C-alpha atoms as a PDB file:
ATOM      1  CA  UNK A   1      -5.657  49.418  38.815  1.00  0.00           C
ATOM      2  CA  UNK A   2      -8.840  47.756  40.210  1.00  0.00           C
ATOM      3  CA  UNK A   3     -10.115  47.514  36.662  1.00  0.00           C
ATOM      4  CA  UNK A   4      -7.068  45.629  35.689  1.00  0.00           C
ATOM      5  CA  UNK A   5      -7.267  43.295  38.741  1.00  0.00           C
ATOM      6  CA  UNK A   6     -10.880  42.653  38.175  1.00  0.00           C
ATOM      7  CA  UNK A   7     -10.198  41.775  34.385  1.00  0.00           C
ATOM      8  CA  UNK A   8      -7.465  39.297  35.674  1.00  0.00           C
ATOM      9  CA  UNK A   9      -9.741  37.652  38.073  1.00  0.00           C
ATOM     10  CA  UNK A  10     -12.510  37.468  35.519  1.00  0.00           C
ATOM     11  CA  UNK A  11     -10.038  35.672  33.243  1.00  0.00           C
ATOM     12  CA  UNK A  12      -9.056  33.227  35.919  1.00  0.00           C
ATOM     13  CA  UNK A  13     -12.885  32.581  36.640  1.00  0.00           C
ATOM     14  CA  UNK A  14     -13.462  31.868  32.911  1.00  0.00           C
ATOM     15  CA  UNK A  15     -10.320  29.542  32.823  1.00  0.00           C
ATOM     16  CA  UNK A  16     -11.803  27.738  35.892  1.00  0.00           C
ATOM     17  CA  UNK A  17     -15.147  27.284  34.397  1.00  0.00           C
ATOM     18  CA  UNK A  18     -13.690  25.878  31.117  1.00  0.00           C
ATOM     19  CA  UNK A  19     -11.250  23.489  33.075  1.00  0.00           C
ATOM     20  CA  UNK A  20     -14.152  22.287  35.056  1.00  0.00           C
ATOM     21  CA  UNK A  21     -16.268  21.658  32.060  1.00  0.00           C
ATOM     22  CA  UNK A  22     -13.521  19.615  30.586  1.00  0.00           C
ATOM     23  CA  UNK A  23     -12.449  17.660  33.724  1.00  0.00           C
ATOM     24  CA  UNK A  24     -16.105  16.987  34.948  1.00  0.00           C
ATOM     25  CA  UNK A  25     -15.022  18.121  38.291  1.00  0.00           C
ATOM     26  CA  UNK A  26     -14.049  14.626  39.677  1.00  0.00           C
ATOM     27  CA  UNK A  27     -12.135  16.001  42.641  1.00  0.00           C
ATOM     28  CA  UNK A  28     -14.900  17.957  44.270  1.00  0.00           C
ATOM     29  CA  UNK A  29     -18.584  17.349  44.706  1.00  0.00           C
ATOM     30  CA  UNK A  30     -20.523  18.071  41.602  1.00  0.00           C
ATOM     31  CA  UNK A  31     -23.227  19.929  43.347  1.00  0.00           C
ATOM     32  CA  UNK A  32     -20.980  22.590  45.073  1.00  0.00           C
ATOM     33  CA  UNK A  33     -18.872  23.895  42.212  1.00  0.00           C
ATOM     34  CA  UNK A  34     -21.660  24.611  39.760  1.00  0.00           C
ATOM     35  CA  UNK A  35     -23.466  26.706  42.523  1.00  0.00           C
ATOM     36  CA  UNK A  36     -20.359  28.537  43.384  1.00  0.00           C
ATOM     37  CA  UNK A  37     -19.392  29.560  39.721  1.00  0.00           C
ATOM     38  CA  UNK A  38     -22.515  31.577  39.140  1.00  0.00           C
ATOM     39  CA  UNK A  39     -22.092  33.203  42.513  1.00  0.00           C
ATOM     40  CA  UNK A  40     -18.591  34.171  41.685  1.00  0.00           C
ATOM     41  CA  UNK A  41     -19.729  35.444  38.288  1.00  0.00           C
ATOM     42  CA  UNK A  42     -22.454  37.690  40.011  1.00  0.00           C
ATOM     43  CA  UNK A  43     -19.729  38.830  42.478  1.00  0.00           C
ATOM     44  CA  UNK A  44     -17.455  39.737  39.661  1.00  0.00           C
ATOM     45  CA  UNK A  45     -20.352  41.680  37.670  1.00  0.00           C
ATOM     46  CA  UNK A  46     -21.256  43.469  40.871  1.00  0.00           C
ATOM     47  CA  UNK A  47     -17.634  44.537  41.634  1.00  0.00           C
ATOM     48  CA  UNK A  48     -17.275  45.744  37.868  1.00  0.00           C
ATOM     49  CA  UNK A  49     -20.409  47.759  38.362  1.00  0.00           C
ATOM     50  CA  UNK A  50     -19.051  49.290  41.557  1.00  0.00           C
ATOM     51  CA  UNK A  51     -15.737  49.919  39.967  1.00  0.00           C
ATOM     52  CA  UNK A  52     -17.458  51.897  37.014  1.00  0.00           C
ATOM     53  CA  UNK A  53     -19.655  53.888  39.628  1.00  0.00           C
ATOM     54  CA  UNK A  54     -16.527  54.657  41.535  1.00  0.00           C
ATOM     55  CA  UNK A  55     -14.644  55.823  38.412  1.00  0.00           C
ATOM     56  CA  UNK A  56     -17.428  58.072  37.504  1.00  0.00           C
ATOM     57  CA  UNK A  57     -17.592  59.530  41.080  1.00  0.00           C
ATOM     58  CA  UNK A  58     -13.755  60.123  41.046  1.00  0.00           C
ATOM     59  CA  UNK A  59     -13.982  61.886  37.628  1.00  0.00           C
ATOM     60  CA  UNK A  60     -16.603  64.246  39.243  1.00  0.00           C
ATOM     61  CA  UNK A  61     -14.435  64.674  42.446  1.00  0.00           C
ATOM     62  CA  UNK A  62     -11.373  65.491  40.458  1.00  0.00           C
ATOM     63  CA  UNK A  63     -13.287  68.134  38.293  1.00  0.00           C
ATOM     64  CA  UNK A  64     -14.680  69.732  41.563  1.00  0.00           C
ATOM     65  CA  UNK A  65     -11.164  69.617  42.978  1.00  0.00           C
ATOM     66  CA  UNK A  66      -9.810  71.324  39.962  1.00  0.00           C
ATOM     67  CA  UNK A  67     -12.407  74.180  40.255  1.00  0.00           C
ATOM     68  CA  UNK A  68     -11.590  74.464  43.967  1.00  0.00           C
ATOM     69  CA  UNK A  69      -7.937  74.796  43.092  1.00  0.00           C
ATOM     70  CA  UNK A  70      -8.382  77.569  40.669  1.00  0.00           C
ATOM     71  CA  UNK A  71     -10.795  79.458  42.910  1.00  0.00           C
ATOM     72  CA  UNK A  72      -8.321  79.003  45.905  1.00  0.00           C
ATOM     73  CA  UNK A  73      -5.330  80.428  43.772  1.00  0.00           C
ATOM     74  CA  UNK A  74      -7.506  83.345  42.764  1.00  0.00           C
ATOM     75  CA  UNK A  75      -8.665  84.193  46.295  1.00  0.00           C
ATOM     76  CA  UNK A  76      -5.043  83.712  47.730  1.00  0.00           C
ATOM     77  CA  UNK A  77      -3.874  86.219  45.116  1.00  0.00           C
ATOM     78  CA  UNK A  78      -6.468  88.747  45.810  1.00  0.00           C
ATOM     79  CA  UNK A  79      -5.782  88.412  49.622  1.00  0.00           C
ATOM     80  CA  UNK A  80      -2.006  89.046  49.016  1.00  0.00           C
ATOM     81  CA  UNK A  81      -2.888  92.044  47.021  1.00  0.00           C
ATOM     82  CA  UNK A  82      -5.289  93.310  49.500  1.00  0.00           C
ATOM     83  CA  UNK A  83      -2.820  92.847  52.371  1.00  0.00           C
ATOM     84  CA  UNK A  84       0.027  94.668  50.213  1.00  0.00           C
ATOM     85  CA  UNK A  85      -2.454  97.633  49.712  1.00  0.00           C
ATOM     86  CA  UNK A  86      -3.250  97.828  53.485  1.00  0.00           C
ATOM     87  CA  UNK A  87       0.392  97.966  54.318  1.00  0.00           C
ATOM     88  CA  UNK A  88       1.139 100.585  51.591  1.00  0.00           C
ATOM     89  CA  UNK A  89      -1.690 102.832  52.702  1.00  0.00           C
ATOM     90  CA  UNK A  90      -1.689 102.791  56.407  1.00  0.00           C
ATOM     91  CA  UNK A  91      -0.996 106.056  58.071  1.00  0.00           C
ATOM     92  CA  UNK A  92       2.508 106.879  59.299  1.00  0.00           C
ATOM     93  CA  UNK A  93       1.109 108.535  62.296  1.00  0.00           C
ATOM     94  CA  UNK A  94      -0.313 105.991  64.706  1.00  0.00           C
ATOM     95  CA  UNK A  95      -0.516 107.918  68.033  1.00  0.00           C
ATOM     96  CA  UNK A  96      -1.579 111.325  69.347  1.00  0.00           C
ATOM     97  CA  UNK A  97       1.922 111.955  70.865  1.00  0.00           C
ATOM     98  CA  UNK A  98       3.620 111.136  67.414  1.00  0.00           C
ATOM     99  CA  UNK A  99       1.020 113.636  65.905  1.00  0.00           C
ATOM    100  CA  UNK A 100       1.866 116.350  68.152  1.00  0.00           C
ATOM    101  CA  UNK A 101       5.565 115.836  67.669  1.00  0.00           C
ATOM    102  CA  UNK A 102       4.943 115.970  63.844  1.00  0.00           C
ATOM    103  CA  UNK A 103       3.032 119.420  64.317  1.00  0.00           C
ATOM    104  CA  UNK A 104       5.911 120.917  66.428  1.00  0.00           C
ATOM    105  CA  UNK A 105       8.373 119.794  63.734  1.00  0.00           C
ATOM    106  CA  UNK A 106       6.177 121.422  61.048  1.00  0.00           C
ATOM    107  CA  UNK A 107       5.860 124.803  62.877  1.00  0.00           C
END
């Protein structure tokens, strides 16, 4: 989206340059516009460079997030399995009193 907006602004700036070249900039001072247009071009180039860097960074972040998501899913699954195993294998006798009652029943 940023790249599309930047492209549109660049086209507008080019159109402005062309219209100023044809009109001779009679409405504004001739000194002000030629100085501002190169500054604007430099700003557009700088923003385009920043957008490209941001795009590269975002691709890296998205790849790292994908790896994180895969690892998180795996850890979550293993944790669930571990909790299931603990619940299945915990002893049915939890207290000394319950153990004594079980011994009496067996005798």
